[in-house]
PDB file of N, CA and C in Angstrom:
ATOM      1  N   MET A   1      30.133  53.035 -67.369  1.00  0.00           N
ATOM      2  CA  MET A   1      30.690  54.357 -67.606  1.00  0.00           C
ATOM      3  C   MET A   1      29.917  54.993 -68.749  1.00  0.00           C
ATOM      4  N   SER A   2      29.491  56.193 -68.539  1.00  0.00           N
ATOM      5  CA  SER A   2      28.714  56.879 -69.563  1.00  0.00           C
ATOM      6  C   SER A   2      29.628  57.413 -70.658  1.00  0.00           C
ATOM      7  N   TRP A   3      29.027  57.715 -71.795  1.00  0.00           N
ATOM      8  CA  TRP A   3      29.820  58.250 -72.911  1.00  0.00           C
ATOM      9  C   TRP A   3      30.376  59.619 -72.564  1.00  0.00           C
ATOM     10  N   ILE A   4      29.688  60.362 -71.711  1.00  0.00           N
ATOM     11  CA  ILE A   4      30.198  61.673 -71.301  1.00  0.00           C
ATOM     12  C   ILE A   4      31.475  61.509 -70.484  1.00  0.00           C
ATOM     13  N   SER A   5      31.465  60.542 -69.587  1.00  0.00           N
ATOM     14  CA  SER A   5      32.666  60.286 -68.782  1.00  0.00           C
ATOM     15  C   SER A   5      33.839  59.883 -69.662  1.00  0.00           C
ATOM     16  N   ARG A   6      33.550  59.045 -70.663  1.00  0.00           N
ATOM     17  CA  ARG A   6      34.618  58.633 -71.581  1.00  0.00           C
ATOM     18  C   ARG A   6      35.145  59.818 -72.365  1.00  0.00           C
ATOM     19  N   LEU A   7      34.231  60.680 -72.789  1.00  0.00           N
ATOM     20  CA  LEU A   7      34.614  61.858 -73.555  1.00  0.00           C
ATOM     21  C   LEU A   7      35.499  62.787 -72.727  1.00  0.00           C
ATOM     22  N   LEU A   8      35.175  62.929 -71.460  1.00  0.00           N
ATOM     23  CA  LEU A   8      35.944  63.806 -70.582  1.00  0.00           C
ATOM     24  C   LEU A   8      37.214  63.155 -70.046  1.00  0.00           C
ATOM     25  N   GLY A   9      37.403  61.876 -70.342  1.00  0.00           N
ATOM     26  CA  GLY A   9      38.630  61.197 -69.962  1.00  0.00           C
ATOM     27  C   GLY A   9      38.599  60.577 -68.581  1.00  0.00           C
ATOM     28  N   ASN A  10      37.428  60.476 -67.956  1.00  0.00           N
ATOM     29  CA  ASN A  10      37.337  59.820 -66.655  1.00  0.00           C
ATOM     30  C   ASN A  10      37.535  58.328 -66.850  1.00  0.00           C
ATOM     31  N   LYS A  11      38.312  57.715 -65.983  1.00  0.00           N
ATOM     32  CA  LYS A  11      38.596  56.290 -66.124  1.00  0.00           C
ATOM     33  C   LYS A  11      37.710  55.476 -65.198  1.00  0.00           C
ATOM     34  N   GLU A  12      37.375  54.269 -65.664  1.00  0.00           N
ATOM     35  CA  GLU A  12      36.591  53.355 -64.851  1.00  0.00           C
ATOM     36  C   GLU A  12      37.506  52.687 -63.835  1.00  0.00           C
ATOM     37  N   ASN A  13      36.960  52.391 -62.663  1.00  0.00           N
ATOM     38  CA  ASN A  13      37.757  51.613 -61.725  1.00  0.00           C
ATOM     39  C   ASN A  13      37.509  50.135 -61.991  1.00  0.00           C
ATOM     40  N   SER A  14      38.356  49.294 -61.459  1.00  0.00           N
ATOM     41  CA  SER A  14      38.300  47.867 -61.781  1.00  0.00           C
ATOM     42  C   SER A  14      37.008  47.218 -61.302  1.00  0.00           C
ATOM     43  N   SER A  15      36.423  47.703 -60.221  1.00  0.00           N
ATOM     44  CA  SER A  15      35.176  47.093 -59.745  1.00  0.00           C
ATOM     45  C   SER A  15      34.030  47.371 -60.722  1.00  0.00           C
ATOM     46  N   ASP A  16      34.012  48.547 -61.333  1.00  0.00           N
ATOM     47  CA  ASP A  16      32.985  48.848 -62.336  1.00  0.00           C
ATOM     48  C   ASP A  16      33.139  47.950 -63.564  1.00  0.00           C
ATOM     49  N   VAL A  17      34.372  47.757 -63.984  1.00  0.00           N
ATOM     50  CA  VAL A  17      34.638  46.893 -65.138  1.00  0.00           C
ATOM     51  C   VAL A  17      34.216  45.464 -64.824  1.00  0.00           C
ATOM     52  N   ALA A  18      34.582  44.968 -63.644  1.00  0.00           N
ATOM     53  CA  ALA A  18      34.234  43.600 -63.251  1.00  0.00           C
ATOM     54  C   ALA A  18      32.715  43.439 -63.153  1.00  0.00           C
ATOM     55  N   LYS A  19      32.035  44.427 -62.606  1.00  0.00           N
ATOM     56  CA  LYS A  19      30.577  44.374 -62.488  1.00  0.00           C
ATOM     57  C   LYS A  19      29.929  44.308 -63.860  1.00  0.00           C
ATOM     58  N   ARG A  20      30.402  45.138 -64.793  1.00  0.00           N
ATOM     59  CA  ARG A  20      29.834  45.139 -66.138  1.00  0.00           C
ATOM     60  C   ARG A  20      30.084  43.801 -66.841  1.00  0.00           C
ATOM     61  N   ARG A  21      31.260  43.244 -66.668  1.00  0.00           N
ATOM     62  CA  ARG A  21      31.557  41.940 -67.289  1.00  0.00           C
ATOM     63  C   ARG A  21      30.670  40.841 -66.715  1.00  0.00           C
ATOM     64  N   LEU A  22      30.456  40.858 -65.412  1.00  0.00           N
ATOM     65  CA  LEU A  22      29.585  39.865 -64.790  1.00  0.00           C
ATOM     66  C   LEU A  22      28.157  40.010 -65.297  1.00  0.00           C
ATOM     67  N   GLN A  23      27.690  41.235 -65.437  1.00  0.00           N
ATOM     68  CA  GLN A  23      26.349  41.460 -65.975  1.00  0.00           C
ATOM     69  C   GLN A  23      26.236  40.893 -67.383  1.00  0.00           C
ATOM     70  N   MET A  24      27.272  41.079 -68.187  1.00  0.00           N
ATOM     71  CA  MET A  24      27.250  40.542 -69.556  1.00  0.00           C
ATOM     72  C   MET A  24      27.185  39.015 -69.547  1.00  0.00           C
ATOM     73  N   VAL A  25      27.938  38.382 -68.668  1.00  0.00           N
ATOM     74  CA  VAL A  25      27.917  36.922 -68.572  1.00  0.00           C
ATOM     75  C   VAL A  25      26.526  36.445 -68.190  1.00  0.00           C
ATOM     76  N   LEU A  26      25.899  37.102 -67.216  1.00  0.00           N
ATOM     77  CA  LEU A  26      24.559  36.714 -66.791  1.00  0.00           C
ATOM     78  C   LEU A  26      23.539  36.904 -67.911  1.00  0.00           C
ATOM     79  N   VAL A  27      23.641  37.985 -68.646  1.00  0.00           N
ATOM     80  CA  VAL A  27      22.715  38.228 -69.759  1.00  0.00           C
ATOM     81  C   VAL A  27      22.879  37.158 -70.822  1.00  0.00           C
ATOM     82  N   HIS A  28      24.117  36.816 -71.148  1.00  0.00           N
ATOM     83  CA  HIS A  28      24.359  35.770 -72.154  1.00  0.00           C
ATOM     84  C   HIS A  28      23.762  34.448 -71.698  1.00  0.00           C
ATOM     85  N   ASP A  29      23.942  34.117 -70.416  1.00  0.00           N
ATOM     86  CA  ASP A  29      23.400  32.863 -69.901  1.00  0.00           C
ATOM     87  C   ASP A  29      21.879  32.843 -69.961  1.00  0.00           C
ATOM     88  N   ARG A  30      21.233  33.940 -69.582  1.00  0.00           N
ATOM     89  CA  ARG A  30      19.770  33.999 -69.559  1.00  0.00           C
ATOM     90  C   ARG A  30      19.169  34.008 -70.954  1.00  0.00           C
ATOM     91  N   SER A  31      19.838  34.622 -71.903  1.00  0.00           N
ATOM     92  CA  SER A  31      19.276  34.748 -73.247  1.00  0.00           C
ATOM     93  C   SER A  31      19.650  33.582 -74.147  1.00  0.00           C
ATOM     94  N   ASP A  32      20.536  32.733 -73.694  1.00  0.00           N
ATOM     95  CA  ASP A  32      20.979  31.570 -74.464  1.00  0.00           C
ATOM     96  C   ASP A  32      21.633  31.984 -75.782  1.00  0.00           C
ATOM     97  N   VAL A  33      22.354  33.113 -75.768  1.00  0.00           N
ATOM     98  CA  VAL A  33      23.125  33.573 -76.919  1.00  0.00           C
ATOM     99  C   VAL A  33      24.601  33.445 -76.541  1.00  0.00           C
ATOM    100  N   SER A  34      25.313  32.647 -77.285  1.00  0.00           N
ATOM    101  CA  SER A  34      26.715  32.398 -76.954  1.00  0.00           C
ATOM    102  C   SER A  34      27.593  33.595 -77.320  1.00  0.00           C
ATOM    103  N   PRO A  35      28.707  33.759 -76.603  1.00  0.00           N
ATOM    104  CA  PRO A  35      29.645  34.821 -76.975  1.00  0.00           C
ATOM    105  C   PRO A  35      30.160  34.663 -78.404  1.00  0.00           C
ATOM    106  N   GLY A  36      30.267  33.432 -78.877  1.00  0.00           N
ATOM    107  CA  GLY A  36      30.692  33.195 -80.253  1.00  0.00           C
ATOM    108  C   GLY A  36      29.700  33.756 -81.260  1.00  0.00           C
ATOM    109  N   LEU A  37      28.412  33.610 -80.966  1.00  0.00           N
ATOM    110  CA  LEU A  37      27.381  34.162 -81.847  1.00  0.00           C
ATOM    111  C   LEU A  37      27.433  35.683 -81.828  1.00  0.00           C
ATOM    112  N   ILE A  38      27.650  36.273 -80.659  1.00  0.00           N
ATOM    113  CA  ILE A  38      27.774  37.734 -80.565  1.00  0.00           C
ATOM    114  C   ILE A  38      28.962  38.200 -81.405  1.00  0.00           C
ATOM    115  N   ALA A  39      30.070  37.471 -81.375  1.00  0.00           N
ATOM    116  CA  ALA A  39      31.250  37.835 -82.173  1.00  0.00           C
ATOM    117  C   ALA A  39      30.935  37.772 -83.669  1.00  0.00           C
ATOM    118  N   GLN A  40      30.186  36.752 -84.092  1.00  0.00           N
ATOM    119  CA  GLN A  40      29.794  36.647 -85.503  1.00  0.00           C
ATOM    120  C   GLN A  40      28.878  37.801 -85.906  1.00  0.00           C
ATOM    121  N   ILE A  41      27.941  38.141 -85.033  1.00  0.00           N
ATOM    122  CA  ILE A  41      27.047  39.265 -85.310  1.00  0.00           C
ATOM    123  C   ILE A  41      27.849  40.553 -85.418  1.00  0.00           C
ATOM    124  N   LYS A  42      28.810  40.731 -84.526  1.00  0.00           N
ATOM    125  CA  LYS A  42      29.669  41.923 -84.560  1.00  0.00           C
ATOM    126  C   LYS A  42      30.401  42.016 -85.895  1.00  0.00           C
ATOM    127  N   ASP A  43      30.963  40.910 -86.355  1.00  0.00           N
ATOM    128  CA  ASP A  43      31.663  40.897 -87.641  1.00  0.00           C
ATOM    129  C   ASP A  43      30.724  41.256 -88.793  1.00  0.00           C
ATOM    130  N   ASP A  44      29.509  40.719 -88.749  1.00  0.00           N
ATOM    131  CA  ASP A  44      28.525  41.023 -89.789  1.00  0.00           C
ATOM    132  C   ASP A  44      28.147  42.498 -89.780  1.00  0.00           C
ATOM    133  N   ILE A  45      27.940  43.047 -88.597  1.00  0.00           N
ATOM    134  CA  ILE A  45      27.590  44.467 -88.480  1.00  0.00           C
ATOM    135  C   ILE A  45      28.705  45.333 -89.044  1.00  0.00           C
ATOM    136  N   ILE A  46      29.944  45.021 -88.679  1.00  0.00           N
ATOM    137  CA  ILE A  46      31.095  45.780 -89.178  1.00  0.00           C
ATOM    138  C   ILE A  46      31.136  45.739 -90.698  1.00  0.00           C
ATOM    139  N   GLU A  47      30.950  44.558 -91.259  1.00  0.00           N
ATOM    140  CA  GLU A  47      31.003  44.401 -92.714  1.00  0.00           C
ATOM    141  C   GLU A  47      29.931  45.239 -93.413  1.00  0.00           C
ATOM    142  N   VAL A  48      28.721  45.207 -92.910  1.00  0.00           N
ATOM    143  CA  VAL A  48      27.619  45.924 -93.549  1.00  0.00           C
ATOM    144  C   VAL A  48      27.776  47.435 -93.407  1.00  0.00           C
ATOM    145  N   ILE A  49      28.062  47.906 -92.209  1.00  0.00           N
ATOM    146  CA  ILE A  49      28.183  49.352 -91.972  1.00  0.00           C
ATOM    147  C   ILE A  49      29.376  49.923 -92.743  1.00  0.00           C
ATOM    148  N   ALA A  50      30.483  49.172 -92.796  1.00  0.00           N
ATOM    149  CA  ALA A  50      31.691  49.648 -93.472  1.00  0.00           C
ATOM    150  C   ALA A  50      31.484  49.825 -94.979  1.00  0.00           C
ATOM    151  N   ARG A  51      30.463  49.210 -95.542  1.00  0.00           N
ATOM    152  CA  ARG A  51      30.174  49.417 -96.962  1.00  0.00           C
ATOM    153  C   ARG A  51      29.743  50.851 -97.252  1.00  0.00           C
ATOM    154  N   ARG A  52      29.136  51.507 -96.288  1.00  0.00           N
ATOM    155  CA  ARG A  52      28.564  52.834 -96.505  1.00  0.00           C
ATOM    156  C   ARG A  52      29.237  53.952 -95.714  1.00  0.00           C
ATOM    157  N   LEU A  53      29.872  53.618 -94.583  1.00  0.00           N
ATOM    158  CA  LEU A  53      30.490  54.628 -93.722  1.00  0.00           C
ATOM    159  C   LEU A  53      31.906  54.232 -93.354  1.00  0.00           C
ATOM    160  N   ALA A  54      32.754  55.234 -93.166  1.00  0.00           N
ATOM    161  CA  ALA A  54      34.104  54.977 -92.672  1.00  0.00           C
ATOM    162  C   ALA A  54      34.007  54.807 -91.161  1.00  0.00           C
ATOM    163  N   ILE A  55      34.326  53.602 -90.678  1.00  0.00           N
ATOM    164  CA  ILE A  55      34.229  53.311 -89.251  1.00  0.00           C
ATOM    165  C   ILE A  55      35.573  52.815 -88.722  1.00  0.00           C
ATOM    166  N   ASP A  56      35.677  52.760 -87.404  1.00  0.00           N
ATOM    167  CA  ASP A  56      36.861  52.216 -86.745  1.00  0.00           C
ATOM    168  C   ASP A  56      36.510  50.810 -86.258  1.00  0.00           C
ATOM    169  N   PRO A  57      36.759  49.775 -87.068  1.00  0.00           N
ATOM    170  CA  PRO A  57      36.317  48.427 -86.723  1.00  0.00           C
ATOM    171  C   PRO A  57      36.984  47.862 -85.466  1.00  0.00           C
ATOM    172  N   GLU A  58      38.134  48.384 -85.095  1.00  0.00           N
ATOM    173  CA  GLU A  58      38.829  47.892 -83.903  1.00  0.00           C
ATOM    174  C   GLU A  58      38.123  48.298 -82.612  1.00  0.00           C
ATOM    175  N   HIS A  59      37.289  49.321 -82.683  1.00  0.00           N
ATOM    176  CA  HIS A  59      36.637  49.825 -81.472  1.00  0.00           C
ATOM    177  C   HIS A  59      35.120  49.661 -81.482  1.00  0.00           C
ATOM    178  N   VAL A  60      34.624  48.783 -82.360  1.00  0.00           N
ATOM    179  CA  VAL A  60      33.197  48.476 -82.368  1.00  0.00           C
ATOM    180  C   VAL A  60      32.899  47.593 -81.159  1.00  0.00           C
ATOM    181  N   VAL A  61      31.832  47.928 -80.440  1.00  0.00           N
ATOM    182  CA  VAL A  61      31.425  47.166 -79.258  1.00  0.00           C
ATOM    183  C   VAL A  61      29.980  46.734 -79.458  1.00  0.00           C
ATOM    184  N   VAL A  62      29.729  45.435 -79.287  1.00  0.00           N
ATOM    185  CA  VAL A  62      28.373  44.901 -79.379  1.00  0.00           C
ATOM    186  C   VAL A  62      28.044  44.255 -78.042  1.00  0.00           C
ATOM    187  N   ASN A  63      26.943  44.697 -77.439  1.00  0.00           N
ATOM    188  CA  ASN A  63      26.522  44.172 -76.140  1.00  0.00           C
ATOM    189  C   ASN A  63      25.093  43.683 -76.204  1.00  0.00           C
ATOM    190  N   LEU A  64      24.824  42.683 -75.409  1.00  0.00           N
ATOM    191  CA  LEU A  64      23.477  42.172 -75.245  1.00  0.00           C
ATOM    192  C   LEU A  64      23.040  42.527 -73.835  1.00  0.00           C
ATOM    193  N   SER A  65      21.931  43.243 -73.714  1.00  0.00           N
ATOM    194  CA  SER A  65      21.423  43.600 -72.388  1.00  0.00           C
ATOM    195  C   SER A  65      20.010  43.057 -72.246  1.00  0.00           C
ATOM    196  N   GLN A  66      19.615  42.825 -70.995  1.00  0.00           N
ATOM    197  CA  GLN A  66      18.312  42.227 -70.767  1.00  0.00           C
ATOM    198  C   GLN A  66      17.684  42.838 -69.518  1.00  0.00           C
ATOM    199  N   THR A  67      16.403  43.118 -69.623  1.00  0.00           N
ATOM    200  CA  THR A  67      15.607  43.540 -68.478  1.00  0.00           C
ATOM    201  C   THR A  67      14.524  42.488 -68.283  1.00  0.00           C
ATOM    202  N   ALA A  68      13.659  42.727 -67.349  1.00  0.00           N
ATOM    203  CA  ALA A  68      12.566  41.778 -67.111  1.00  0.00           C
ATOM    204  C   ALA A  68      11.634  41.693 -68.314  1.00  0.00           C
ATOM    205  N   ARG A  69      11.563  42.782 -69.093  1.00  0.00           N
ATOM    206  CA  ARG A  69      10.610  42.833 -70.203  1.00  0.00           C
ATOM    207  C   ARG A  69      11.210  42.600 -71.574  1.00  0.00           C
ATOM    208  N   GLU A  70      12.507  42.864 -71.755  1.00  0.00           N
ATOM    209  CA  GLU A  70      13.054  42.793 -73.114  1.00  0.00           C
ATOM    210  C   GLU A  70      14.548  42.506 -73.110  1.00  0.00           C
ATOM    211  N   SER A  71      15.008  42.057 -74.252  1.00  0.00           N
ATOM    212  CA  SER A  71      16.442  41.891 -74.503  1.00  0.00           C
ATOM    213  C   SER A  71      16.816  42.859 -75.614  1.00  0.00           C
ATOM    214  N   ARG A  72      18.025  43.418 -75.520  1.00  0.00           N
ATOM    215  CA  ARG A  72      18.486  44.362 -76.537  1.00  0.00           C
ATOM    216  C   ARG A  72      19.901  44.003 -76.974  1.00  0.00           C
ATOM    217  N   LEU A  73      20.121  44.141 -78.254  1.00  0.00           N
ATOM    218  CA  LEU A  73      21.452  44.026 -78.821  1.00  0.00           C
ATOM    219  C   LEU A  73      21.862  45.439 -79.211  1.00  0.00           C
ATOM    220  N   VAL A  74      22.909  45.955 -78.591  1.00  0.00           N
ATOM    221  CA  VAL A  74      23.325  47.339 -78.794  1.00  0.00           C
ATOM    222  C   VAL A  74      24.721  47.344 -79.398  1.00  0.00           C
ATOM    223  N   ALA A  75      24.883  48.084 -80.492  1.00  0.00           N
ATOM    224  CA  ALA A  75      26.187  48.208 -81.150  1.00  0.00           C
ATOM    225  C   ALA A  75      26.652  49.651 -81.060  1.00  0.00           C
ATOM    226  N   GLU A  76      27.868  49.832 -80.561  1.00  0.00           N
ATOM    227  CA  GLU A  76      28.508  51.148 -80.557  1.00  0.00           C
ATOM    228  C   GLU A  76      29.555  51.125 -81.662  1.00  0.00           C
ATOM    229  N   ILE A  77      29.369  51.982 -82.673  1.00  0.00           N
ATOM    230  CA  ILE A  77      30.222  51.962 -83.858  1.00  0.00           C
ATOM    231  C   ILE A  77      30.836  53.339 -84.045  1.00  0.00           C
ATOM    232  N   PRO A  78      32.124  53.481 -83.731  1.00  0.00           N
ATOM    233  CA  PRO A  78      32.763  54.786 -83.901  1.00  0.00           C
ATOM    234  C   PRO A  78      32.985  55.115 -85.375  1.00  0.00           C
ATOM    235  N   LEU A  79      32.537  56.297 -85.778  1.00  0.00           N
ATOM    236  CA  LEU A  79      32.709  56.751 -87.148  1.00  0.00           C
ATOM    237  C   LEU A  79      34.038  57.487 -87.279  1.00  0.00           C
ATOM    238  N   LEU A  80      34.746  57.251 -88.375  1.00  0.00           N
ATOM    239  CA  LEU A  80      36.026  57.911 -88.612  1.00  0.00           C
ATOM    240  C   LEU A  80      35.859  59.247 -89.312  1.00  0.00           C
ATOM    241  N   ALA A  81      34.857  59.346 -90.168  1.00  0.00           N
ATOM    242  CA  ALA A  81      34.659  60.584 -90.904  1.00  0.00           C
ATOM    243  C   ALA A  81      33.167  60.720 -91.187  1.00  0.00           C
ATOM    244  N   ASN A  82      32.773  61.912 -91.555  1.00  0.00           N
ATOM    245  CA  ASN A  82      31.374  62.150 -91.854  1.00  0.00           C
ATOM    246  C   ASN A  82      31.114  62.006 -93.355  1.00  0.00           C
ATOM    247  N   GLN A  83      31.835  61.087 -93.978  1.00  0.00           N
ATOM    248  CA  GLN A  83      31.701  60.872 -95.419  1.00  0.00           C
ATOM    249  C   GLN A  83      31.267  59.461 -95.696  1.00  0.00           C
ATOM    250  N   ARG A  84      30.494  59.307 -96.728  1.00  0.00           N
ATOM    251  CA  ARG A  84      30.109  57.970 -97.173  1.00  0.00           C
ATOM    252  C   ARG A  84      31.208  57.382 -98.029  1.00  0.00           C
ATOM    253  N   GLN A  85      31.406  56.086 -97.918  1.00  0.00           N
ATOM    254  CA  GLN A  85      32.354  55.415 -98.795  1.00  0.00           C
ATOM    255  C   GLN A  85      31.609  54.983-100.048  1.00  0.00           C
ATOM    256  N   HIS A  86      32.327  54.866-101.128  1.00  0.00           N
ATOM    257  CA  HIS A  86      31.688  54.444-102.396  1.00  0.00           C
ATOM    258  C   HIS A  86      32.089  53.060-102.767  1.00  0.00           C
TER     259      HIS A  86
END
C-alpha cells in the first residue's frame, strides 16, 4: 500500500497484507538477518532519532527489502512535530 493510499484512508485487503508479510519472511531468510536483530535495530533507531526530533515511536516501521542487486533497510519514522527536542 502506498503512502498516498494510506493518507487518503484506503484500506489494504488481507491478501495484500499476507503477500507483504510473506515477502518480508523471504527477505529475512535470504539475507540471514533475524527478526530479533531487526527489532534491536528498530529500537536503536528510535533512541537515536528521538534525541533530536519528536517522533511517534509506536508507529515506527523498519523493513528489510532485497532485490537481485541489493538489500535495503528502510525505516518509516512518523514525526510528531516540526520542532527539535533539546
